[in-house]
Amino acid sequence: MLNFDELAEGRVVVVGIGNTLRADDGAGSLVAERLRERYPDVVFDGAQAPENYLGPIRRAGPDVVVLVDAADFGGNPGEVRVAAAEDVEGLMMGTHAAPLSMFMRVLDHETGADVRLVAVQVASTALGVSMTSEVADTVDHLVLRLGELLDRRAER
């Protein structure tokens, strides 16, 4: 499903973004929540305001920052796309008010890291509704793959 081998070498930081009260919109936050126990120094749940974590992200000294967020890019529910900041502008509709491409550019400027968005296609962002099974399966897969990536980078 995903090939993370293309990411630059070095220290990886993962930032989940989302609102767990809005069905599939909670995908990024759920990924972060599940990874944070094993990797507390390099995984953050930015929830609906990831910019609040700029300081801790910067202090983690990343070479690569992987943002995980729900988006509507016209794909099938649970489908994943990996994008750089320039790809996000105009191509993907995030589910949050603040432009994610701007946050990605700030991260790049503040950390010098290679910043990538792992976008998960939503089916529903209805308030108070459970996450769809397609997106829940994708969350499971992302937790596994990002955990493998973090383990590999920690061994170096």
N, C-alpha and C. Protein backbone atom coordinates (compact mmCIF):
# COMPACT_ATOMS: atom_id res chain seq x y z
N MET A 1 0.82 -1.20 0.00
CA MET A 1 0.00 0.00 0.00
C MET A 1 0.87 1.26 0.00
N LEU A 2 1.82 1.35 0.93
CA LEU A 2 2.65 2.54 1.02
C LEU A 2 4.12 2.15 0.98
N ASN A 3 4.90 2.99 0.29
CA ASN A 3 6.33 2.79 0.23
C ASN A 3 6.99 3.97 0.93
N PHE A 4 7.46 3.75 2.13
CA PHE A 4 8.11 4.82 2.88
C PHE A 4 9.61 4.86 2.61
N ASP A 5 10.11 3.94 1.79
CA ASP A 5 11.54 3.90 1.51
C ASP A 5 12.02 5.15 0.78
N GLU A 6 11.10 5.86 0.11
CA GLU A 6 11.48 7.06 -0.64
C GLU A 6 11.78 8.25 0.26
N LEU A 7 11.42 8.16 1.52
CA LEU A 7 11.67 9.27 2.44
C LEU A 7 13.16 9.37 2.75
N ALA A 8 13.61 10.57 3.00
CA ALA A 8 15.01 10.80 3.32
C ALA A 8 15.42 9.99 4.54
N GLU A 9 16.69 9.74 4.64
CA GLU A 9 17.23 9.04 5.80
C GLU A 9 17.17 9.96 7.01
N GLY A 10 17.23 9.35 8.18
CA GLY A 10 17.34 10.16 9.39
C GLY A 10 16.18 9.97 10.35
N ARG A 11 16.09 10.90 11.27
CA ARG A 11 15.10 10.84 12.36
C ARG A 11 13.71 11.21 11.83
N VAL A 12 12.74 10.36 12.12
CA VAL A 12 11.37 10.55 11.65
C VAL A 12 10.49 10.98 12.82
N VAL A 13 9.65 11.98 12.57
CA VAL A 13 8.64 12.41 13.51
C VAL A 13 7.28 12.23 12.83
N VAL A 14 6.32 11.68 13.56
CA VAL A 14 4.97 11.47 13.03
C VAL A 14 4.01 12.38 13.80
N VAL A 15 3.16 13.09 13.05
CA VAL A 15 2.16 13.98 13.66
C VAL A 15 0.79 13.59 13.12
N GLY A 16 -0.08 13.14 14.01
CA GLY A 16 -1.45 12.85 13.63
C GLY A 16 -2.29 14.11 13.73
N ILE A 17 -3.22 14.25 12.80
CA ILE A 17 -4.11 15.41 12.78
C ILE A 17 -5.53 14.89 12.62
N GLY A 18 -6.47 15.45 13.41
CA GLY A 18 -7.85 15.02 13.22
C GLY A 18 -8.75 15.32 14.40
N ASN A 19 -10.00 15.00 14.19
CA ASN A 19 -11.03 15.19 15.20
C ASN A 19 -11.75 13.85 15.37
N THR A 20 -11.49 13.18 16.48
CA THR A 20 -12.05 11.85 16.71
C THR A 20 -13.55 11.85 16.92
N LEU A 21 -14.16 13.02 17.08
CA LEU A 21 -15.62 13.09 17.21
C LEU A 21 -16.32 13.10 15.85
N ARG A 22 -15.55 13.19 14.78
CA ARG A 22 -16.13 13.30 13.44
C ARG A 22 -15.73 12.12 12.55
N ALA A 23 -16.18 10.93 12.92
CA ALA A 23 -16.03 9.72 12.11
C ALA A 23 -14.60 9.58 11.57
N ASP A 24 -14.46 9.53 10.25
CA ASP A 24 -13.17 9.26 9.61
C ASP A 24 -12.15 10.37 9.81
N ASP A 25 -12.61 11.55 10.19
CA ASP A 25 -11.70 12.66 10.41
C ASP A 25 -10.71 12.37 11.53
N GLY A 26 -11.00 11.42 12.37
CA GLY A 26 -10.11 11.06 13.47
C GLY A 26 -8.97 10.15 13.09
N ALA A 27 -8.82 9.79 11.83
CA ALA A 27 -7.81 8.82 11.40
C ALA A 27 -6.40 9.20 11.85
N GLY A 28 -5.98 10.42 11.57
CA GLY A 28 -4.62 10.83 11.93
C GLY A 28 -4.38 10.81 13.43
N SER A 29 -5.34 11.31 14.19
CA SER A 29 -5.20 11.32 15.64
C SER A 29 -5.16 9.90 16.20
N LEU A 30 -5.95 9.00 15.63
CA LEU A 30 -5.95 7.62 16.09
C LEU A 30 -4.62 6.93 15.79
N VAL A 31 -4.05 7.20 14.63
CA VAL A 31 -2.72 6.64 14.30
C VAL A 31 -1.71 7.12 15.34
N ALA A 32 -1.71 8.42 15.63
CA ALA A 32 -0.77 8.98 16.60
C ALA A 32 -1.00 8.39 17.99
N GLU A 33 -2.24 8.30 18.40
CA GLU A 33 -2.56 7.75 19.72
C GLU A 33 -2.00 6.34 19.87
N ARG A 34 -2.14 5.53 18.83
CA ARG A 34 -1.70 4.14 18.90
C ARG A 34 -0.18 4.00 18.82
N LEU A 35 0.49 4.93 18.17
CA LEU A 35 1.96 4.87 18.06
C LEU A 35 2.66 5.55 19.24
N ARG A 36 2.02 6.50 19.85
CA ARG A 36 2.66 7.34 20.87
C ARG A 36 3.17 6.56 22.07
N GLU A 37 2.49 5.51 22.45
CA GLU A 37 2.92 4.73 23.60
C GLU A 37 4.32 4.14 23.38
N ARG A 38 4.59 3.69 22.17
CA ARG A 38 5.90 3.09 21.85
C ARG A 38 6.95 4.13 21.49
N TYR A 39 6.52 5.27 20.96
CA TYR A 39 7.46 6.27 20.44
C TYR A 39 7.10 7.68 20.96
N PRO A 40 7.12 7.88 22.28
CA PRO A 40 6.62 9.14 22.83
C PRO A 40 7.44 10.37 22.45
N ASP A 41 8.70 10.19 22.09
CA ASP A 41 9.55 11.34 21.77
C ASP A 41 9.40 11.82 20.34
N VAL A 42 8.79 10.98 19.46
CA VAL A 42 8.75 11.33 18.04
C VAL A 42 7.36 11.22 17.42
N VAL A 43 6.34 10.98 18.24
CA VAL A 43 4.96 10.91 17.75
C VAL A 43 4.11 11.87 18.55
N PHE A 44 3.34 12.71 17.82
CA PHE A 44 2.50 13.72 18.46
C PHE A 44 1.10 13.66 17.86
N ASP A 45 0.10 13.84 18.71
CA ASP A 45 -1.27 13.97 18.23
C ASP A 45 -1.60 15.46 18.21
N GLY A 46 -1.53 16.04 17.02
CA GLY A 46 -1.81 17.46 16.86
C GLY A 46 -3.28 17.78 16.88
N ALA A 47 -4.12 16.73 16.86
CA ALA A 47 -5.58 16.90 16.86
C ALA A 47 -5.99 17.95 15.83
N GLN A 48 -6.75 18.95 16.25
CA GLN A 48 -7.24 19.97 15.31
C GLN A 48 -6.34 21.19 15.22
N ALA A 49 -5.27 21.21 16.01
CA ALA A 49 -4.37 22.36 16.01
C ALA A 49 -2.91 21.89 16.02
N PRO A 50 -2.46 21.25 14.96
CA PRO A 50 -1.09 20.72 14.95
C PRO A 50 -0.02 21.79 15.10
N GLU A 51 -0.36 23.04 14.76
CA GLU A 51 0.61 24.13 14.90
C GLU A 51 1.02 24.33 16.36
N ASN A 52 0.20 23.87 17.30
CA ASN A 52 0.55 23.97 18.71
C ASN A 52 1.72 23.06 19.09
N TYR A 53 2.08 22.14 18.21
CA TYR A 53 3.16 21.19 18.48
C TYR A 53 4.44 21.55 17.74
N LEU A 54 4.52 22.72 17.18
CA LEU A 54 5.70 23.13 16.44
C LEU A 54 6.95 23.07 17.32
N GLY A 55 6.87 23.55 18.54
CA GLY A 55 8.02 23.53 19.46
C GLY A 55 8.50 22.11 19.73
N PRO A 56 7.63 21.21 20.20
CA PRO A 56 8.06 19.83 20.44
C PRO A 56 8.57 19.12 19.18
N ILE A 57 7.96 19.40 18.04
CA ILE A 57 8.42 18.80 16.79
C ILE A 57 9.83 19.29 16.49
N ARG A 58 10.05 20.58 16.61
CA ARG A 58 11.37 21.16 16.36
C ARG A 58 12.40 20.56 17.31
N ARG A 59 12.05 20.44 18.60
CA ARG A 59 12.98 19.88 19.60
C ARG A 59 13.31 18.41 19.32
N ALA A 60 12.41 17.69 18.65
CA ALA A 60 12.66 16.28 18.33
C ALA A 60 13.75 16.14 17.26
N GLY A 61 14.10 17.21 16.58
CA GLY A 61 15.17 17.20 15.60
C GLY A 61 14.91 16.32 14.39
N PRO A 62 13.77 16.47 13.75
CA PRO A 62 13.45 15.56 12.63
C PRO A 62 14.21 15.86 11.35
N ASP A 63 14.48 14.80 10.61
CA ASP A 63 14.94 14.90 9.23
C ASP A 63 13.74 14.73 8.31
N VAL A 64 12.74 14.00 8.82
CA VAL A 64 11.50 13.74 8.09
C VAL A 64 10.33 13.94 9.05
N VAL A 65 9.31 14.68 8.61
CA VAL A 65 8.07 14.80 9.38
C VAL A 65 6.96 14.21 8.53
N VAL A 66 6.27 13.22 9.08
CA VAL A 66 5.14 12.58 8.41
C VAL A 66 3.86 13.03 9.10
N LEU A 67 3.04 13.78 8.39
CA LEU A 67 1.74 14.19 8.90
C LEU A 67 0.72 13.17 8.42
N VAL A 68 -0.17 12.74 9.29
CA VAL A 68 -1.23 11.81 8.92
C VAL A 68 -2.55 12.52 9.16
N ASP A 69 -3.36 12.65 8.10
CA ASP A 69 -4.62 13.38 8.22
C ASP A 69 -5.65 12.82 7.26
N ALA A 70 -6.89 13.00 7.61
CA ALA A 70 -7.99 12.67 6.73
C ALA A 70 -8.13 13.77 5.68
N ALA A 71 -8.57 13.40 4.49
CA ALA A 71 -8.73 14.39 3.42
C ALA A 71 -9.76 13.87 2.43
N ASP A 72 -10.21 14.77 1.60
CA ASP A 72 -11.08 14.37 0.51
C ASP A 72 -10.39 14.75 -0.79
N PHE A 73 -9.79 13.76 -1.43
CA PHE A 73 -9.11 13.98 -2.70
C PHE A 73 -9.79 13.23 -3.84
N GLY A 74 -11.03 12.77 -3.57
CA GLY A 74 -11.82 12.11 -4.60
C GLY A 74 -11.50 10.64 -4.79
N GLY A 75 -10.80 10.04 -3.83
CA GLY A 75 -10.45 8.63 -3.92
C GLY A 75 -11.51 7.75 -3.30
N ASN A 76 -11.18 6.47 -3.19
CA ASN A 76 -12.07 5.51 -2.53
C ASN A 76 -11.86 5.60 -1.02
N PRO A 77 -12.90 5.40 -0.22
CA PRO A 77 -12.74 5.46 1.24
C PRO A 77 -11.60 4.57 1.71
N GLY A 78 -10.72 5.16 2.53
CA GLY A 78 -9.58 4.43 3.06
C GLY A 78 -8.34 4.48 2.17
N GLU A 79 -8.47 4.98 0.95
CA GLU A 79 -7.32 5.10 0.05
C GLU A 79 -6.33 6.09 0.63
N VAL A 80 -5.05 5.86 0.37
CA VAL A 80 -4.00 6.71 0.92
C VAL A 80 -3.20 7.34 -0.21
N ARG A 81 -2.86 8.60 -0.03
CA ARG A 81 -1.93 9.30 -0.93
C ARG A 81 -0.88 9.99 -0.08
N VAL A 82 0.34 9.97 -0.58
CA VAL A 82 1.44 10.66 0.08
C VAL A 82 1.77 11.88 -0.77
N ALA A 83 1.89 13.03 -0.12
CA ALA A 83 2.08 14.27 -0.86
C ALA A 83 3.03 15.21 -0.13
N ALA A 84 3.74 16.02 -0.92
CA ALA A 84 4.54 17.12 -0.39
C ALA A 84 3.65 18.36 -0.35
N ALA A 85 4.13 19.42 0.29
CA ALA A 85 3.33 20.64 0.45
C ALA A 85 2.82 21.19 -0.87
N GLU A 86 3.68 21.22 -1.88
CA GLU A 86 3.25 21.76 -3.17
C GLU A 86 2.17 20.93 -3.83
N ASP A 87 2.10 19.64 -3.49
CA ASP A 87 1.05 18.78 -4.03
C ASP A 87 -0.27 18.97 -3.32
N VAL A 88 -0.21 19.42 -2.07
CA VAL A 88 -1.42 19.56 -1.26
C VAL A 88 -2.25 20.75 -1.72
N GLU A 89 -1.59 21.84 -2.08
CA GLU A 89 -2.31 23.03 -2.52
C GLU A 89 -3.12 22.75 -3.77
N GLY A 90 -4.42 22.91 -3.67
CA GLY A 90 -5.29 22.77 -4.83
C GLY A 90 -5.64 21.35 -5.21
N LEU A 91 -4.91 20.36 -4.71
CA LEU A 91 -5.18 18.98 -5.10
C LEU A 91 -5.99 18.23 -4.07
N MET A 92 -5.87 18.62 -2.81
CA MET A 92 -6.54 17.89 -1.75
C MET A 92 -7.33 18.87 -0.90
N MET A 93 -8.48 18.44 -0.49
CA MET A 93 -9.31 19.24 0.40
C MET A 93 -9.21 18.64 1.78
N GLY A 94 -8.52 19.32 2.68
CA GLY A 94 -8.43 18.85 4.05
C GLY A 94 -9.77 19.00 4.74
N THR A 95 -9.89 18.37 5.87
CA THR A 95 -11.16 18.44 6.61
C THR A 95 -11.10 19.47 7.72
N HIS A 96 -10.01 20.27 7.78
CA HIS A 96 -9.86 21.28 8.82
C HIS A 96 -9.81 22.66 8.19
N ALA A 97 -10.07 23.66 9.00
CA ALA A 97 -10.15 25.02 8.48
C ALA A 97 -8.80 25.58 8.05
N ALA A 98 -7.75 25.36 8.83
CA ALA A 98 -6.43 25.92 8.51
C ALA A 98 -5.82 25.17 7.33
N PRO A 99 -5.18 25.89 6.42
CA PRO A 99 -4.56 25.22 5.28
C PRO A 99 -3.36 24.39 5.72
N LEU A 100 -3.42 23.11 5.44
CA LEU A 100 -2.36 22.19 5.83
C LEU A 100 -1.07 22.48 5.08
N SER A 101 -1.18 22.94 3.84
CA SER A 101 0.03 23.25 3.07
C SER A 101 0.84 24.35 3.77
N MET A 102 0.17 25.31 4.39
CA MET A 102 0.88 26.37 5.12
C MET A 102 1.64 25.79 6.31
N PHE A 103 1.00 24.91 7.06
CA PHE A 103 1.66 24.27 8.19
C PHE A 103 2.86 23.45 7.72
N MET A 104 2.70 22.77 6.58
CA MET A 104 3.81 21.99 6.04
C MET A 104 4.99 22.88 5.68
N ARG A 105 4.71 24.03 5.12
CA ARG A 105 5.79 24.97 4.76
C ARG A 105 6.47 25.54 6.01
N VAL A 106 5.69 25.82 7.05
CA VAL A 106 6.27 26.30 8.30
C VAL A 106 7.17 25.23 8.91
N LEU A 107 6.71 23.98 8.90
CA LEU A 107 7.54 22.88 9.42
C LEU A 107 8.85 22.78 8.65
N ASP A 108 8.77 22.88 7.33
CA ASP A 108 9.96 22.82 6.50
C ASP A 108 10.92 23.95 6.88
N HIS A 109 10.39 25.15 7.01
CA HIS A 109 11.20 26.32 7.34
C HIS A 109 11.82 26.20 8.74
N GLU A 110 11.03 25.77 9.71
CA GLU A 110 11.47 25.73 11.11
C GLU A 110 12.39 24.55 11.42
N THR A 111 12.24 23.44 10.69
CA THR A 111 13.01 22.23 11.02
C THR A 111 14.00 21.83 9.94
N GLY A 112 13.77 22.28 8.70
CA GLY A 112 14.59 21.84 7.58
C GLY A 112 14.30 20.41 7.18
N ALA A 113 13.24 19.85 7.73
CA ALA A 113 12.89 18.45 7.47
C ALA A 113 12.15 18.28 6.14
N ASP A 114 12.19 17.08 5.63
CA ASP A 114 11.38 16.67 4.49
C ASP A 114 9.98 16.40 5.06
N VAL A 115 9.00 17.22 4.71
CA VAL A 115 7.65 17.12 5.28
C VAL A 115 6.72 16.46 4.27
N ARG A 116 6.05 15.40 4.69
CA ARG A 116 5.12 14.67 3.83
C ARG A 116 3.78 14.50 4.52
N LEU A 117 2.74 14.56 3.73
CA LEU A 117 1.39 14.29 4.21
C LEU A 117 0.98 12.91 3.76
N VAL A 118 0.53 12.09 4.70
CA VAL A 118 -0.12 10.82 4.39
C VAL A 118 -1.60 11.11 4.56
N ALA A 119 -2.29 11.26 3.42
CA ALA A 119 -3.71 11.63 3.43
C ALA A 119 -4.56 10.38 3.28
N VAL A 120 -5.57 10.26 4.12
CA VAL A 120 -6.50 9.13 4.10
C VAL A 120 -7.85 9.64 3.60
N GLN A 121 -8.34 9.04 2.52
CA GLN A 121 -9.62 9.44 1.96
C GLN A 121 -10.76 9.10 2.92
N VAL A 122 -11.57 10.10 3.24
CA VAL A 122 -12.70 9.92 4.14
C VAL A 122 -13.94 9.44 3.39
N ALA A 123 -14.82 8.79 4.11
CA ALA A 123 -16.16 8.47 3.61
C ALA A 123 -17.17 9.34 4.34
N SER A 124 -16.92 9.58 5.64
CA SER A 124 -17.84 10.36 6.44
C SER A 124 -17.08 11.19 7.47
N THR A 125 -17.52 12.42 7.65
CA THR A 125 -16.98 13.26 8.73
C THR A 125 -18.12 13.76 9.61
N ALA A 126 -19.18 12.99 9.65
CA ALA A 126 -20.35 13.37 10.44
C ALA A 126 -20.03 13.34 11.94
N LEU A 127 -20.56 14.30 12.65
CA LEU A 127 -20.34 14.42 14.08
C LEU A 127 -21.02 13.27 14.82
N GLY A 128 -20.27 12.64 15.73
CA GLY A 128 -20.82 11.60 16.58
C GLY A 128 -21.02 10.26 15.92
N VAL A 129 -20.48 10.08 14.73
CA VAL A 129 -20.61 8.83 14.00
C VAL A 129 -19.29 8.07 14.10
N SER A 130 -19.34 6.74 14.17
CA SER A 130 -18.13 5.93 14.24
C SER A 130 -17.36 5.97 12.93
N MET A 131 -16.08 5.72 13.04
CA MET A 131 -15.21 5.65 11.87
C MET A 131 -15.68 4.49 10.98
N THR A 132 -15.62 4.69 9.67
CA THR A 132 -16.01 3.63 8.73
C THR A 132 -14.99 2.51 8.77
N SER A 133 -15.42 1.32 8.39
CA SER A 133 -14.53 0.16 8.43
C SER A 133 -13.36 0.31 7.47
N GLU A 134 -13.57 0.95 6.32
CA GLU A 134 -12.49 1.13 5.35
C GLU A 134 -11.37 1.99 5.94
N VAL A 135 -11.75 3.07 6.60
CA VAL A 135 -10.74 3.97 7.18
C VAL A 135 -10.12 3.32 8.42
N ALA A 136 -10.89 2.59 9.20
CA ALA A 136 -10.34 1.88 10.35
C ALA A 136 -9.30 0.86 9.91
N ASP A 137 -9.54 0.15 8.81
CA ASP A 137 -8.55 -0.79 8.26
C ASP A 137 -7.28 -0.06 7.84
N THR A 138 -7.44 1.11 7.25
CA THR A 138 -6.29 1.90 6.82
C THR A 138 -5.50 2.37 8.04
N VAL A 139 -6.18 2.78 9.09
CA VAL A 139 -5.50 3.18 10.33
C VAL A 139 -4.65 2.03 10.84
N ASP A 140 -5.20 0.82 10.89
CA ASP A 140 -4.44 -0.36 11.33
C ASP A 140 -3.18 -0.53 10.49
N HIS A 141 -3.33 -0.41 9.18
CA HIS A 141 -2.21 -0.58 8.27
C HIS A 141 -1.15 0.51 8.48
N LEU A 142 -1.58 1.74 8.64
CA LEU A 142 -0.64 2.84 8.85
C LEU A 142 0.11 2.69 10.16
N VAL A 143 -0.56 2.25 11.21
CA VAL A 143 0.11 2.04 12.50
C VAL A 143 1.21 0.99 12.33
N LEU A 144 0.91 -0.06 11.61
CA LEU A 144 1.89 -1.12 11.37
C LEU A 144 3.07 -0.60 10.56
N ARG A 145 2.79 0.04 9.43
CA ARG A 145 3.86 0.51 8.54
C ARG A 145 4.69 1.63 9.15
N LEU A 146 4.05 2.59 9.81
CA LEU A 146 4.80 3.67 10.44
C LEU A 146 5.60 3.15 11.63
N GLY A 147 5.06 2.19 12.35
CA GLY A 147 5.81 1.54 13.43
C GLY A 147 7.07 0.87 12.91
N GLU A 148 6.94 0.19 11.77
CA GLU A 148 8.11 -0.45 11.14
C GLU A 148 9.14 0.60 10.74
N LEU A 149 8.67 1.71 10.17
CA LEU A 149 9.57 2.79 9.76
C LEU A 149 10.30 3.36 10.98
N LEU A 150 9.56 3.64 12.05
CA LEU A 150 10.18 4.19 13.25
C LEU A 150 11.17 3.20 13.87
N ASP A 151 10.84 1.91 13.85
CA ASP A 151 11.76 0.90 14.37
C ASP A 151 13.05 0.86 13.54
N ARG A 152 12.92 0.88 12.22
CA ARG A 152 14.09 0.84 11.33
C ARG A 152 14.98 2.05 11.54
N ARG A 153 14.36 3.22 11.68
CA ARG A 153 15.15 4.45 11.85
C ARG A 153 15.81 4.49 13.22
N ALA A 154 15.19 3.88 14.23
CA ALA A 154 15.76 3.87 15.58
C ALA A 154 16.99 2.96 15.65
N GLU A 155 17.03 1.93 14.80
CA GLU A 155 18.14 0.99 14.80
C GLU A 155 19.40 1.60 14.21
N ARG A 156 19.28 2.68 13.46
CA ARG A 156 20.45 3.25 12.78
C ARG A 156 21.22 4.16 13.67
